[in-house]
Amino acid sequence: MEDLVIKLNVSDNPWLPIYETFSFNRMLIENIAADFVEACSDKINYESSYQYDVDIARVAKKYSDFGSLRPLYTAVNKVIGEKIKEEVLRDWHDGHVAAFRTIGCKLAYMTPGFIEAKRYQSLYS
């Protein structure tokens, strides 16, 4: 089975990108993605997206030996995104959609410069 290759900007400076390439075993990432989806499935009583954070964090803790979570989250989100059916994209209670959106939000906050830009936008928009 082929590797899953992810290219990420690892620079702390949003104007000077430094890209690194990460390679993952696709089968391993698919198994990890299945864990995230399972953790976010059957949560009909959840009314807000932030409630999935605990489930995502619990699964991520199991895979803490990967080091930085950003490359792992990116690889997992890529695999989950490939499996989402278009007709369920608006259904937060679907495990794939909940995991995909929650991890996507976490990735946004991990992106260099995102928090500063969000703060600037909230102050001056």
Protein backbone atom coordinates (compact mmCIF):
# COMPACT_ATOMS: atom_id res chain seq x y z
CA MET A 1 0.00 0.00 0.00
CA GLU A 2 1.27 3.48 -0.86
CA ASP A 3 2.30 6.08 1.66
CA LEU A 4 0.22 9.15 2.40
CA VAL A 5 2.39 12.23 1.90
CA ILE A 6 1.49 15.53 3.60
CA LYS A 7 3.27 18.84 2.97
CA LEU A 8 2.90 21.45 5.73
CA ASN A 9 4.11 24.96 6.39
CA VAL A 10 5.99 24.67 9.69
CA SER A 11 7.16 28.27 9.90
CA ASP A 12 6.00 30.48 12.76
CA ASN A 13 6.12 33.42 10.36
CA PRO A 14 3.07 33.52 8.03
CA TRP A 15 5.03 35.60 5.47
CA LEU A 16 8.05 33.29 5.26
CA PRO A 17 6.83 29.74 4.71
CA ILE A 18 9.03 26.75 5.44
CA TYR A 19 7.54 23.52 4.16
CA GLU A 20 8.23 20.03 5.46
CA THR A 21 7.01 16.78 4.00
CA PHE A 22 5.60 14.07 6.23
CA SER A 23 5.03 10.52 5.08
CA PHE A 24 2.58 8.14 6.76
CA ASN A 25 1.57 4.57 6.17
CA ARG A 26 -1.88 4.95 4.57
CA MET A 27 -3.29 1.82 6.23
CA LEU A 28 -2.22 3.07 9.68
CA ILE A 29 -3.78 6.51 9.05
CA GLU A 30 -7.01 4.87 7.84
CA ASN A 31 -7.18 2.88 11.10
CA ILE A 32 -6.52 6.02 13.15
CA ALA A 33 -9.17 7.91 11.13
CA ALA A 34 -11.64 5.11 11.87
CA ASP A 35 -10.94 5.62 15.59
CA PHE A 36 -11.71 9.34 15.29
CA VAL A 37 -14.91 8.65 13.33
CA GLU A 38 -16.03 6.02 15.84
CA ALA A 39 -15.39 8.42 18.73
CA CYS A 40 -17.60 11.05 17.05
CA SER A 41 -20.39 8.66 16.03
CA ASP A 42 -23.76 8.21 17.76
CA LYS A 43 -23.61 11.52 19.64
CA ILE A 44 -27.23 12.51 18.96
CA ASN A 45 -27.42 14.40 22.27
CA TYR A 46 -24.58 16.78 21.25
CA GLU A 47 -25.96 20.21 20.41
CA SER A 48 -22.70 22.10 19.71
CA SER A 49 -19.55 21.34 17.79
CA TYR A 50 -17.23 22.00 20.74
CA GLN A 51 -18.70 18.95 22.51
CA TYR A 52 -16.77 16.72 20.10
CA ASP A 53 -13.45 18.19 21.30
CA VAL A 54 -13.31 15.80 24.25
CA ASP A 55 -13.80 12.78 22.00
CA ILE A 56 -11.16 13.99 19.54
CA ALA A 57 -8.69 14.70 22.37
CA ARG A 58 -9.24 11.25 23.87
CA VAL A 59 -8.37 9.54 20.58
CA ALA A 60 -5.44 11.90 19.89
CA LYS A 61 -3.97 11.03 23.29
CA LYS A 62 -3.74 7.38 22.19
CA TYR A 63 -1.51 8.47 19.30
CA SER A 64 0.68 10.97 21.15
CA ASP A 65 3.80 9.03 20.15
CA PHE A 66 3.54 10.64 16.70
CA GLY A 67 4.96 13.84 18.15
CA SER A 68 3.30 16.93 16.70
CA LEU A 69 -0.43 16.50 16.19
CA ARG A 70 -0.66 18.88 13.24
CA PRO A 71 0.79 16.48 10.62
CA LEU A 72 -1.24 13.60 12.07
CA TYR A 73 -4.46 15.65 12.08
CA THR A 74 -3.80 16.74 8.49
CA ALA A 75 -3.29 13.16 7.31
CA VAL A 76 -6.32 11.88 9.23
CA ASN A 77 -8.52 14.70 7.94
CA LYS A 78 -7.44 13.97 4.37
CA VAL A 79 -8.46 10.32 4.74
CA ILE A 80 -11.77 11.16 6.46
CA GLY A 81 -12.54 13.77 3.79
CA GLU A 82 -12.09 11.15 1.08
CA LYS A 83 -14.74 8.97 2.72
CA ILE A 84 -17.47 11.57 3.38
CA LYS A 85 -20.55 11.20 1.25
CA GLU A 86 -21.84 14.52 -0.10
CA GLU A 87 -25.41 13.92 1.07
CA VAL A 88 -24.37 13.89 4.75
CA LEU A 89 -22.14 17.00 4.71
CA ARG A 90 -24.65 19.03 6.71
CA ASP A 91 -25.34 16.33 9.27
CA TRP A 92 -23.16 17.09 12.30
CA HIS A 93 -24.28 13.85 13.90
CA ASP A 94 -22.63 11.76 11.19
CA GLY A 95 -19.34 10.52 12.67
CA HIS A 96 -17.32 11.30 9.52
CA VAL A 97 -18.64 14.86 9.30
CA ALA A 98 -18.21 15.56 13.02
CA ALA A 99 -14.63 14.25 13.05
CA PHE A 100 -13.75 16.05 9.80
CA ARG A 101 -15.10 19.41 10.93
CA THR A 102 -13.74 19.20 14.47
CA ILE A 103 -10.25 18.21 13.32
CA GLY A 104 -10.44 20.90 10.62
CA CYS A 105 -11.16 23.51 13.26
CA LYS A 106 -8.27 22.28 15.39
CA LEU A 107 -5.99 22.45 12.34
CA ALA A 108 -7.04 26.04 11.69
CA TYR A 109 -6.05 27.06 15.21
CA MET A 110 -2.72 25.22 14.80
CA THR A 111 -1.90 27.13 11.60
CA PRO A 112 0.80 29.78 12.09
CA GLY A 113 -0.74 33.24 12.22
CA PHE A 114 -4.36 32.07 12.45
CA ILE A 115 -4.98 33.14 16.04
CA GLU A 116 -3.43 36.55 15.44
CA ALA A 117 -5.50 37.05 12.28
CA LYS A 118 -8.67 35.96 14.06
CA ARG A 119 -7.95 38.34 16.93
CA TYR A 120 -7.26 41.21 14.50
CA GLN A 121 -10.46 40.47 12.60
CA SER A 122 -12.55 40.45 15.76
CA LEU A 123 -11.07 43.77 16.91
CA TYR A 124 -11.10 45.72 13.66
CA SER A 125 -13.79 44.27 11.43
